[in-house]
Every structure is written in C-alpha cells, then in structure tokens.
C-alpha cells in the first residue's frame, strides 16, 4: 500500500471505533517549526493547514540525537495529511541513551509548539523502542499535558533489566563457546572498545555454528537473552524444529544483535556513569528453567551429547560481574518505569522482536498492575518478526483505538479481529493475534 493513501482512509478507522471526523485534511504544505531548548536539545514540529486539533508528541528510539517527530517520513506525511500536528525533540546529553533528559525535553518541545499554535484539543504521546520507554515515563507524569500514550515496540522493562539479561546471554556465549578468549562485557573505556567486543563475540558465535555442541550452547545463550526463534520467513520454525529455531537465533545474533547491544552498552554506561549490569550470585539453572526456550535448549544439548547441568553449574560458579551502585541508582531513577500511569496507554509489540523482546511487556503489565493502574493499560500483539516491524495500518489502527478510549472514557473492543478489521480499512491487513508473552528471563530489578 502506498502510505500516502493512509490520510484518505483515516475516517474509516475512526468510525470503526465509534468516533466521528470531519474527514481527512487535504494534502498541503504544513507549517514547519524548529528551535533549540536551553539544555541544547533541538526540536522540530509540523502543523498542517487543516489541523484537527490533535498533537502527536513523538519520542524516537536509540540512536544519534537528532530531532524527529514521526517514526518515518512516510508515516509522518500520512499523519499530517489526516490533520495531525507532529512535534518531537532530539533529547540532550553526551550519550545516545538519553532517557534521563528525554521526558523533560519532550514536554519542553511541546510547550514551544503550544506557544506558537495555541492549546491543542488533544495531545497523544507516541514512542518507539527506547522512545517507548520515554512514552511510558511520560504516561506517569503527563496527566496535565497528555490525554493518552501509544507505546510501540517499547523498551518498557527499563535499562536495568535490559543490561542484566543481555549480560546473562553474552556471558554464557563467551564463557561456553570460547573460554580461552574471554570477551570484555562491561565497563568499556570507549565506543571502539565496545565495538571490538561486539565484533569478537559475533565471530565466536558464527564460528560455533559448525558443531552440534556450538549450536546447543548458542541456543542456551540465546535463551538467556530472550532471543526469539523466528527471524526470517512468513512463519516461525515448527514448535519441535529445534535446529531450525537455533539457526534463526544464530542469524539474529550474528547479523545484528550482538554488535548492536554491546556497542549500546557503552552508551548506557556513559549515561549512567558506570556499569549497572550484574550476574554475581545468579543461579543459571533456575534462570533457564523459567525460560520458554528451555525445552529447545535441553533438546539440542541431548542431541550434542552435552551435560547441560554441568554447563549451567559452570556459569553459576564463575559469574562475578558486579554493578556500580551509582550507575544502578541513576538508571533506576531515570530509566525505569514505576507503572503509576496517569493517562490511558496502549502498547503494541511484535511477538518476535530481537532487540526489545516481547517478554518485556509481561514485566511491564505486572509493574502497572502492582501500582493499581491496570485499568489504564491495554496491550496488543502483532504476529510478525522484527524490531518495530509493524505495518503502518497496524499502528494507525492502534492510534485510533487509543483515541476512542480518550474520547469515550472506555476502552473499545481491542480483540485482534477488530484491530485487524480497522487496519484492513486502511488498505493493508492487520496481523494482530491473541497472545500472552512469557515472563522476561533474567529480570531481577
């Protein structure tokens, strides 16, 4: 589907969720605004001539600190064509992990736009990936500035859990596949050192694919990292195709995951002022027992003639990474959701996300429930592999469902068939499905 058609079809999904609209705005050149905040962050906004009164406050994901007000140019244009105003900031600071100042910078950017165009009728925060953690934090503090939050592929379990379970998997891969050439996993002095560690571990995993023992141990590391067993193809490998599952995990680890997450740890350490990850005292046998991938790991170990209990005992015995208390405190304060929502939030996630595992949604739902705010949260899941691999129609259908909740005070019908019908009304079938994510392996914060 050509994304520019989305603007002409928004009314169909609004009607499907019980809302009314005056019709899509005619495509025309929006008014473009830019500026700089006192802390150095830049901001950008676009307002269509026939503004519908709604502002989308967009939070971008991990990467260079460049101002962005939509997930991509085509989706942004479709939103503008439908009458939405868009605003977002670059965030500020020395690190790409800029969650600490991000909420402040986002609301400051919204304030700059409001001073130019007046108070909006409605403001919706929309975050992607790391920006999904930002939007979740905005949902906890934005009750006077926001009406609702759409969190897509969000890193909602926070930085502490992220660093811990990634360390678990990296440690297992390094220790079991190449004990004679240990890879430095924390406390990087530079981006180059982190990049070199990522390249080294990637090569170790690639080389291990040639033996049954290497494949079994790769599957163990992947399970500890919550790495899904589906990367390519229209459907995942069969439930008992353990070799096929491991092949998909190995491809993800070697093609992009390991290089990305080890280089990313340097950026998080830079923001936190030290290392927050720890595995000292972790019982890896217990950790694997709670993983939905444990059956696959056991099967591959049996096929390779390896002693899984011995490997898990070795991991437990040699785990000695300790966190820097100051770094833990910083990320607990800046990069962890407390679940105390103040506005409605809808999260959507693909079921096979290799960079932000869907299991993070399980942790987040429990966090929100513990805070007594479960009535404000709904979660929906898309049957697809990839990080933030949504069709535009799927995200727009979710946006309209959230707007219905804001307008009526009640959540609309969010069954997969209803969301898929709303996506289909935009010209591209939805892939929502009934799904309950497993607990997040390695979550201990």
Protein backbone atom coordinates (compact mmCIF):
# COMPACT_ATOMS: atom_id res chain seq x y z
CA UNK A 1 0.00 0.00 0.00
CA UNK A 2 1.22 3.47 -0.78
CA UNK A 3 1.47 5.25 2.56
CA UNK A 4 0.10 8.50 1.20
CA UNK A 5 -3.28 6.75 0.88
CA UNK A 6 -3.47 6.48 4.68
CA UNK A 7 -4.53 10.09 5.02
CA UNK A 8 -7.57 9.49 2.82
CA UNK A 9 -8.63 6.43 4.82
CA UNK A 10 -8.30 7.62 8.43
CA UNK A 11 -12.01 8.33 8.67
CA UNK A 12 -12.84 4.64 8.16
CA UNK A 13 -10.96 3.52 11.24
CA UNK A 14 -12.20 6.43 13.33
CA UNK A 15 -15.75 5.38 12.52
CA UNK A 16 -14.91 1.75 13.30
CA UNK A 17 -14.02 2.78 16.84
CA UNK A 18 -17.13 4.89 17.34
CA UNK A 19 -15.59 8.30 16.64
CA UNK A 20 -16.61 10.99 14.22
CA UNK A 21 -14.43 13.08 11.98
CA UNK A 22 -14.87 15.94 9.58
CA UNK A 23 -12.85 13.96 7.04
CA UNK A 24 -9.20 13.89 6.15
CA UNK A 25 -7.33 17.10 5.57
CA UNK A 26 -6.32 17.91 2.03
CA UNK A 27 -2.63 17.35 1.43
CA UNK A 28 -0.90 20.72 1.62
CA UNK A 29 2.39 22.09 2.81
CA UNK A 30 2.48 22.12 6.60
CA UNK A 31 3.98 24.92 8.65
CA UNK A 32 7.40 23.81 9.82
CA UNK A 33 8.88 24.88 13.15
CA UNK A 34 12.32 24.25 14.64
CA UNK A 35 14.17 25.50 17.66
CA UNK A 36 16.65 24.77 20.39
CA UNK A 37 16.00 24.23 24.08
CA UNK A 38 18.16 25.72 26.85
CA UNK A 39 19.89 22.37 27.51
CA UNK A 40 20.99 22.11 23.88
CA UNK A 41 18.30 19.75 22.59
CA UNK A 42 16.74 20.66 19.26
CA UNK A 43 13.08 20.27 18.43
CA UNK A 44 11.03 20.06 15.27
CA UNK A 45 7.32 20.36 14.56
CA UNK A 46 4.98 20.32 11.58
CA UNK A 47 1.41 21.59 11.62
CA UNK A 48 -0.94 21.00 8.67
CA UNK A 49 -3.13 23.85 7.38
CA UNK A 50 -6.30 21.95 8.35
CA UNK A 51 -5.11 20.95 11.81
CA UNK A 52 -7.55 18.59 13.53
CA UNK A 53 -6.62 19.84 16.99
CA UNK A 54 -4.54 16.80 17.97
CA UNK A 55 -0.78 16.93 18.56
CA UNK A 56 1.37 13.79 18.35
CA UNK A 57 4.35 14.11 20.71
CA UNK A 58 6.75 11.60 19.15
CA UNK A 59 9.72 10.05 21.03
CA UNK A 60 12.39 8.48 18.82
CA UNK A 61 14.42 5.40 19.58
CA UNK A 62 18.07 4.77 20.45
CA UNK A 63 20.48 6.43 18.07
CA UNK A 64 22.01 9.78 17.16
CA UNK A 65 20.40 12.72 18.97
CA UNK A 66 18.58 14.22 16.01
CA UNK A 67 15.15 15.80 16.34
CA UNK A 68 12.40 13.58 14.95
CA UNK A 69 8.61 13.95 15.11
CA UNK A 70 7.38 10.74 13.43
CA UNK A 71 8.50 7.11 13.12
CA UNK A 72 9.45 7.68 9.47
CA UNK A 73 8.83 10.24 6.77
CA UNK A 74 6.00 8.36 5.06
CA UNK A 75 4.04 7.73 8.27
CA UNK A 76 4.62 11.33 9.28
CA UNK A 77 3.22 12.57 5.98
CA UNK A 78 0.17 10.34 6.32
CA UNK A 79 -0.49 11.75 9.80
CA UNK A 80 -0.08 15.31 8.52
CA UNK A 81 -2.44 14.60 5.63
CA UNK A 82 -5.00 13.40 8.16
CA UNK A 83 -4.72 16.65 10.12
CA UNK A 84 -2.41 15.73 12.99
CA UNK A 85 0.31 18.12 14.17
CA UNK A 86 3.66 16.48 14.97
CA UNK A 87 6.39 17.51 17.40
CA UNK A 88 9.46 15.85 18.86
CA UNK A 89 12.94 16.59 20.14
CA UNK A 90 16.46 15.26 19.73
CA UNK A 91 16.90 14.81 23.51
CA UNK A 92 20.13 16.08 25.05
CA UNK A 93 23.26 14.85 26.77
CA UNK A 94 26.54 13.11 25.97
CA UNK A 95 25.01 9.71 25.22
CA UNK A 96 22.58 8.16 22.78
CA UNK A 97 20.93 6.65 25.88
CA UNK A 98 19.25 9.96 26.63
CA UNK A 99 16.21 8.71 28.55
CA UNK A 100 17.16 10.83 31.56
CA UNK A 101 16.61 14.23 29.90
CA UNK A 102 14.18 12.94 27.25
CA UNK A 103 10.90 13.43 29.12
CA UNK A 104 11.87 16.96 30.08
CA UNK A 105 12.99 17.75 26.52
CA UNK A 106 9.84 16.29 25.02
CA UNK A 107 7.48 18.31 27.19
CA UNK A 108 9.59 21.42 26.65
CA UNK A 109 9.29 20.90 22.89
CA UNK A 110 5.54 20.53 23.24
CA UNK A 111 5.49 23.78 25.19
CA UNK A 112 7.38 25.57 22.42
CA UNK A 113 4.86 24.39 19.85
CA UNK A 114 1.88 25.34 22.01
CA UNK A 115 3.24 28.87 22.36
CA UNK A 116 3.14 29.15 18.59
CA UNK A 117 -0.16 27.49 17.71
CA UNK A 118 -2.20 27.56 20.90
CA UNK A 119 -3.50 24.82 23.15
CA UNK A 120 -4.37 21.60 21.33
CA UNK A 121 -7.69 19.85 21.78
CA UNK A 122 -5.82 16.63 22.48
CA UNK A 123 -2.19 15.55 22.90
CA UNK A 124 -1.03 11.97 22.41
CA UNK A 125 2.48 10.74 23.15
CA UNK A 126 3.84 8.11 20.77
CA UNK A 127 7.14 6.37 21.46
CA UNK A 128 9.17 3.78 19.56
CA UNK A 129 11.73 1.34 21.04
CA UNK A 130 13.81 3.33 23.56
CA UNK A 131 11.32 6.09 22.83
CA UNK A 132 8.65 3.64 24.03
CA UNK A 133 10.30 3.76 27.45
CA UNK A 134 10.21 7.54 27.17
CA UNK A 135 6.49 7.48 26.34
CA UNK A 136 5.83 5.08 29.25
CA UNK A 137 7.58 7.53 31.56
CA UNK A 138 5.54 10.36 30.05
CA UNK A 139 2.39 8.40 30.89
CA UNK A 140 3.42 8.58 34.54
CA UNK A 141 3.96 12.33 34.64
CA UNK A 142 1.92 13.86 31.84
CA UNK A 143 -1.62 13.88 33.20
CA UNK A 144 -1.97 17.65 32.70
CA UNK A 145 -0.20 17.67 29.34
CA UNK A 146 -1.22 14.36 27.76
CA UNK A 147 -4.50 12.65 27.02
CA UNK A 148 -3.08 9.25 26.14
CA UNK A 149 0.03 7.32 25.16
CA UNK A 150 0.77 4.89 22.31
CA UNK A 151 3.89 2.83 23.03
CA UNK A 152 5.20 0.79 20.11
CA UNK A 153 7.89 -1.91 20.49
CA UNK A 154 8.73 -0.18 23.75
CA UNK A 155 11.68 -0.95 25.99
CA UNK A 156 9.24 -0.88 28.87
CA UNK A 157 11.18 -3.17 31.26
CA UNK A 158 13.82 -0.46 31.57
CA UNK A 159 17.57 -0.22 31.32
CA UNK A 160 18.44 -2.23 34.44
CA UNK A 161 16.65 -5.37 33.28
CA UNK A 162 17.92 -4.85 29.72
CA UNK A 163 21.54 -4.77 30.83
CA UNK A 164 21.15 -7.76 33.14
CA UNK A 165 19.56 -10.24 30.75
CA UNK A 166 21.79 -9.18 27.88
CA UNK A 167 24.81 -9.73 30.12
CA UNK A 168 23.49 -13.21 31.01
CA UNK A 169 23.37 -14.25 27.37
CA UNK A 170 26.64 -12.63 26.37
CA UNK A 171 28.41 -14.19 29.36
CA UNK A 172 27.11 -17.66 28.52
CA UNK A 173 28.17 -17.35 24.88
CA UNK A 174 31.63 -16.09 25.76
CA UNK A 175 32.27 -18.49 28.64
CA UNK A 176 30.99 -21.65 26.99
CA UNK A 177 31.99 -21.11 23.35
CA UNK A 178 35.44 -19.55 23.79
CA UNK A 179 36.68 -19.87 27.38
CA UNK A 180 40.26 -19.30 26.27
CA UNK A 181 39.49 -15.92 24.69
CA UNK A 182 37.16 -14.11 27.09
CA UNK A 183 35.34 -11.09 25.74
CA UNK A 184 35.10 -7.92 27.81
CA UNK A 185 31.40 -7.45 28.52
CA UNK A 186 31.14 -4.36 30.75
CA UNK A 187 32.91 -1.14 31.73
CA UNK A 188 34.01 -0.01 28.30
CA UNK A 189 36.51 2.82 28.11
CA UNK A 190 35.42 3.87 24.63
CA UNK A 191 32.98 3.18 21.86
CA UNK A 192 35.78 1.49 19.93
CA UNK A 193 36.37 -0.96 22.78
CA UNK A 194 32.66 -1.82 22.89
CA UNK A 195 32.52 -2.24 19.11
CA UNK A 196 35.54 -4.55 19.22
CA UNK A 197 33.88 -6.67 21.91
CA UNK A 198 30.74 -6.93 19.80
CA UNK A 199 32.73 -7.99 16.75
CA UNK A 200 34.69 -10.57 18.75
CA UNK A 201 31.61 -12.18 20.28
CA UNK A 202 29.84 -12.16 16.92
CA UNK A 203 32.73 -14.10 15.36
CA UNK A 204 32.76 -16.59 18.24
CA UNK A 205 29.06 -17.35 17.74
CA UNK A 206 29.42 -17.57 13.95
CA UNK A 207 32.33 -20.00 14.24
CA UNK A 208 30.43 -22.16 16.75
CA UNK A 209 27.66 -22.90 14.27
CA UNK A 210 29.75 -25.64 12.69
CA UNK A 211 29.38 -28.13 15.56
CA UNK A 212 26.43 -29.60 17.44
CA UNK A 213 27.99 -28.51 20.73
CA UNK A 214 28.38 -24.96 19.44
CA UNK A 215 24.79 -24.85 18.29
CA UNK A 216 23.49 -26.14 21.63
CA UNK A 217 25.48 -23.58 23.59
CA UNK A 218 24.40 -20.82 21.21
CA UNK A 219 20.79 -21.77 21.92
CA UNK A 220 21.48 -21.51 25.66
CA UNK A 221 22.95 -18.03 25.29
CA UNK A 222 20.05 -17.00 23.07
CA UNK A 223 17.52 -18.25 25.61
CA UNK A 224 19.16 -16.25 28.39
CA UNK A 225 18.98 -13.17 26.15
CA UNK A 226 15.28 -13.74 25.38
CA UNK A 227 16.20 -14.09 21.69
CA UNK A 228 13.15 -15.29 19.72
CA UNK A 229 13.47 -18.30 17.43
CA UNK A 230 11.97 -16.53 14.41
CA UNK A 231 13.81 -14.05 12.20
CA UNK A 232 13.02 -14.79 8.54
CA UNK A 233 10.15 -16.34 6.65
CA UNK A 234 6.40 -15.95 6.80
CA UNK A 235 6.11 -18.14 9.90
CA UNK A 236 8.44 -19.35 12.65
CA UNK A 237 10.02 -22.81 12.64
CA UNK A 238 7.74 -25.53 13.99
CA UNK A 239 7.48 -25.99 17.76
CA UNK A 240 9.70 -29.10 17.66
CA UNK A 241 12.08 -27.86 14.96
CA UNK A 242 14.77 -27.05 17.49
CA UNK A 243 17.59 -26.99 14.94
CA UNK A 244 15.64 -24.56 12.76
CA UNK A 245 14.91 -22.39 15.78
CA UNK A 246 18.58 -22.21 16.74
CA UNK A 247 19.55 -21.33 13.18
CA UNK A 248 17.18 -18.36 13.27
CA UNK A 249 18.57 -17.25 16.64
CA UNK A 250 22.15 -17.57 15.44
CA UNK A 251 21.41 -15.49 12.38
CA UNK A 252 19.90 -12.74 14.52
CA UNK A 253 22.80 -12.80 16.98
CA UNK A 254 25.49 -12.66 14.32
CA UNK A 255 23.82 -10.37 11.80
CA UNK A 256 22.97 -7.52 14.14
CA UNK A 257 22.05 -8.28 17.76
CA UNK A 258 25.43 -8.79 19.41
CA UNK A 259 27.13 -5.92 17.63
CA UNK A 260 24.24 -3.63 18.46
CA UNK A 261 23.78 -4.49 22.13
CA UNK A 262 27.45 -4.45 23.12
CA UNK A 263 28.06 -1.12 21.43
CA UNK A 264 24.83 0.11 23.00
CA UNK A 265 26.04 -0.86 26.48
CA UNK A 266 28.83 1.69 26.17
CA UNK A 267 26.24 4.40 25.55
CA UNK A 268 24.19 3.29 28.57
CA UNK A 269 27.29 3.18 30.77
CA UNK A 270 28.17 6.67 29.57
CA UNK A 271 24.75 7.95 30.61
CA UNK A 272 24.74 6.05 33.92
CA UNK A 273 28.29 6.89 34.92
CA UNK A 274 29.29 3.24 35.20
CA UNK A 275 28.12 -0.34 34.80
CA UNK A 276 24.66 -1.30 36.04
CA UNK A 277 24.73 -4.96 34.94
CA UNK A 278 25.49 -7.78 37.36
CA UNK A 279 25.45 -11.57 37.40
CA UNK A 280 27.31 -12.39 40.62
CA UNK A 281 25.12 -14.76 42.60
CA UNK A 282 22.82 -15.62 39.68
CA UNK A 283 21.72 -19.28 39.55
CA UNK A 284 21.74 -20.07 35.85
CA UNK A 285 19.94 -23.37 36.26
CA UNK A 286 16.99 -21.55 37.82
CA UNK A 287 17.21 -18.84 35.18
CA UNK A 288 16.95 -21.31 32.29
CA UNK A 289 14.15 -23.24 33.99
CA UNK A 290 11.95 -20.17 33.72
CA UNK A 291 12.64 -19.58 30.03
CA UNK A 292 10.06 -20.53 27.37
CA UNK A 293 13.05 -21.71 25.31
CA UNK A 294 14.28 -24.22 27.91
CA UNK A 295 12.83 -27.21 26.04
CA UNK A 296 14.71 -26.25 22.89
CA UNK A 297 17.98 -25.88 24.81
CA UNK A 298 17.58 -29.25 26.53
CA UNK A 299 16.81 -30.99 23.23
CA UNK A 300 19.88 -29.55 21.49
CA UNK A 301 22.10 -30.43 24.44
CA UNK A 302 20.85 -34.03 24.30
CA UNK A 303 21.47 -34.19 20.56
CA UNK A 304 25.01 -32.89 21.07
CA UNK A 305 25.75 -35.29 23.93
CA UNK A 306 26.50 -32.39 26.29
CA UNK A 307 25.85 -32.13 30.03
CA UNK A 308 23.56 -29.12 30.40
CA UNK A 309 23.66 -29.21 34.19
CA UNK A 310 27.45 -29.05 34.11
CA UNK A 311 27.43 -26.00 31.83
CA UNK A 312 24.84 -24.24 33.98
CA UNK A 313 26.82 -25.02 37.12
CA UNK A 314 29.95 -23.62 35.49
CA UNK A 315 28.15 -20.42 34.57
CA UNK A 316 26.84 -20.04 38.11
CA UNK A 317 30.24 -20.75 39.66
CA UNK A 318 32.18 -18.23 37.58
CA UNK A 319 29.63 -15.40 37.42
CA UNK A 320 31.36 -12.49 39.12
CA UNK A 321 30.26 -9.25 37.44
CA UNK A 322 29.11 -6.70 39.99
CA UNK A 323 27.32 -3.45 39.30
CA UNK A 324 28.42 0.04 40.21
CA UNK A 325 25.87 1.27 42.80
CA UNK A 326 25.86 4.80 41.42
CA UNK A 327 25.05 3.57 37.91
CA UNK A 328 22.23 1.39 39.24
CA UNK A 329 20.79 4.35 41.15
CA UNK A 330 20.97 6.59 38.10
CA UNK A 331 19.17 4.15 35.82
CA UNK A 332 16.61 3.28 38.49
CA UNK A 333 15.78 6.98 38.71
CA UNK A 334 15.88 7.87 35.03
CA UNK A 335 15.27 4.72 33.01
CA UNK A 336 12.81 2.51 34.87
CA UNK A 337 9.02 2.72 34.69
CA UNK A 338 7.15 2.64 38.00
CA UNK A 339 3.81 1.66 36.46
CA UNK A 340 1.84 4.50 38.05
CA UNK A 341 0.05 5.57 34.88
CA UNK A 342 -1.91 8.80 34.89
CA UNK A 343 -3.35 8.57 31.38
CA UNK A 344 -4.50 5.67 29.20
CA UNK A 345 -1.71 3.78 27.48
CA UNK A 346 -1.91 1.26 24.64
CA UNK A 347 1.21 -0.78 23.88
CA UNK A 348 1.77 -2.85 20.75
CA UNK A 349 4.63 -5.28 20.11
CA UNK A 350 5.63 -7.85 17.50
CA UNK A 351 5.87 -11.33 19.03
CA UNK A 352 9.42 -11.93 17.71
CA UNK A 353 11.39 -8.78 18.49
CA UNK A 354 15.14 -9.46 18.71
CA UNK A 355 16.20 -6.11 20.16
CA UNK A 356 13.34 -5.47 22.58
CA UNK A 357 11.89 -8.90 23.42
CA UNK A 358 8.12 -9.07 23.68
CA UNK A 359 8.57 -10.55 27.18
CA UNK A 360 9.26 -7.00 28.33
CA UNK A 361 5.50 -6.44 28.03
CA UNK A 362 4.89 -9.15 30.64
CA UNK A 363 7.19 -7.40 33.12
CA UNK A 364 5.54 -4.05 32.41
CA UNK A 365 2.00 -5.35 32.82
CA UNK A 366 2.92 -6.75 36.24
CA UNK A 367 4.51 -3.41 37.15
CA UNK A 368 1.38 -1.48 36.20
CA UNK A 369 -0.85 -3.99 37.98
CA UNK A 370 1.24 -3.73 41.15
CA UNK A 371 0.76 0.03 41.02
CA UNK A 372 -3.02 -0.41 40.81
CA UNK A 373 -3.28 1.23 37.38
CA UNK A 374 -4.17 -1.79 35.22
CA UNK A 375 -7.42 -0.16 34.07
CA UNK A 376 -5.34 2.42 32.18
CA UNK A 377 -3.22 -0.12 30.29
CA UNK A 378 -4.03 -2.30 27.31
CA UNK A 379 -1.58 -4.38 25.28
CA UNK A 380 -1.89 -5.79 21.76
CA UNK A 381 0.44 -8.07 19.82
CA UNK A 382 1.31 -8.42 16.15
CA UNK A 383 2.18 -11.76 14.54
CA UNK A 384 5.46 -10.71 12.94
CA UNK A 385 9.22 -11.00 13.35
CA UNK A 386 11.44 -7.96 13.64
CA UNK A 387 12.01 -4.91 15.78
CA UNK A 388 9.17 -2.43 15.35
CA UNK A 389 8.18 -4.36 12.20
CA UNK A 390 4.62 -3.03 12.09
CA UNK A 391 2.63 -2.19 9.01
CA UNK A 392 1.58 1.48 9.02
CA UNK A 393 -2.06 0.40 9.03
CA UNK A 394 -1.45 -1.53 12.26
CA UNK A 395 -0.01 1.46 14.11
CA UNK A 396 -2.74 3.78 12.83
CA UNK A 397 -5.44 1.33 13.90
CA UNK A 398 -3.86 1.31 17.37
CA UNK A 399 -3.76 5.12 17.39
CA UNK A 400 -7.47 5.31 16.60
CA UNK A 401 -8.28 2.74 19.27
CA UNK A 402 -6.45 4.90 21.80
CA UNK A 403 -8.34 7.97 20.56
CA UNK A 404 -11.60 6.12 21.16
CA UNK A 405 -10.53 5.45 24.76
CA UNK A 406 -9.68 9.13 25.23
CA UNK A 407 -12.95 10.32 23.66
CA UNK A 408 -15.34 7.96 25.43
CA UNK A 409 -13.56 7.16 28.68
CA UNK A 410 -13.86 3.43 27.93
CA UNK A 411 -11.58 1.08 26.07
CA UNK A 412 -13.02 -0.02 22.73
CA UNK A 413 -13.11 -3.61 21.54
CA UNK A 414 -9.42 -4.49 21.17
CA UNK A 415 -9.84 -8.08 20.10
CA UNK A 416 -7.41 -8.96 17.29
CA UNK A 417 -10.19 -9.33 14.73
CA UNK A 418 -11.41 -5.81 15.49
CA UNK A 419 -7.95 -4.29 15.21
CA UNK A 420 -7.30 -6.26 12.03
CA UNK A 421 -10.53 -5.02 10.51
CA UNK A 422 -9.55 -1.46 11.38
CA UNK A 423 -6.15 -1.99 9.74
CA UNK A 424 -7.79 -3.52 6.68
CA UNK A 425 -9.98 -0.42 6.39
CA UNK A 426 -6.73 1.45 5.85
CA UNK A 427 -5.93 -0.81 2.91
CA UNK A 428 -3.44 -3.24 4.47
CA UNK A 429 -4.49 -6.30 6.53
CA UNK A 430 -3.58 -6.35 10.18
CA UNK A 431 -1.75 -9.21 11.85
CA UNK A 432 -2.90 -8.81 15.44
CA UNK A 433 -3.38 -12.06 17.34
CA UNK A 434 -4.29 -13.33 20.78
CA UNK A 435 -1.02 -13.65 22.63
CA UNK A 436 0.29 -13.72 26.18
CA UNK A 437 4.03 -13.04 26.49
CA UNK A 438 6.10 -15.23 28.78
CA UNK A 439 7.93 -13.78 31.79
CA UNK A 440 11.11 -11.89 30.99
CA UNK A 441 14.05 -14.24 31.58
CA UNK A 442 16.74 -12.58 33.67
CA UNK A 443 14.52 -9.80 35.03
CA UNK A 444 15.69 -9.23 38.59
CA UNK A 445 15.26 -5.50 39.13
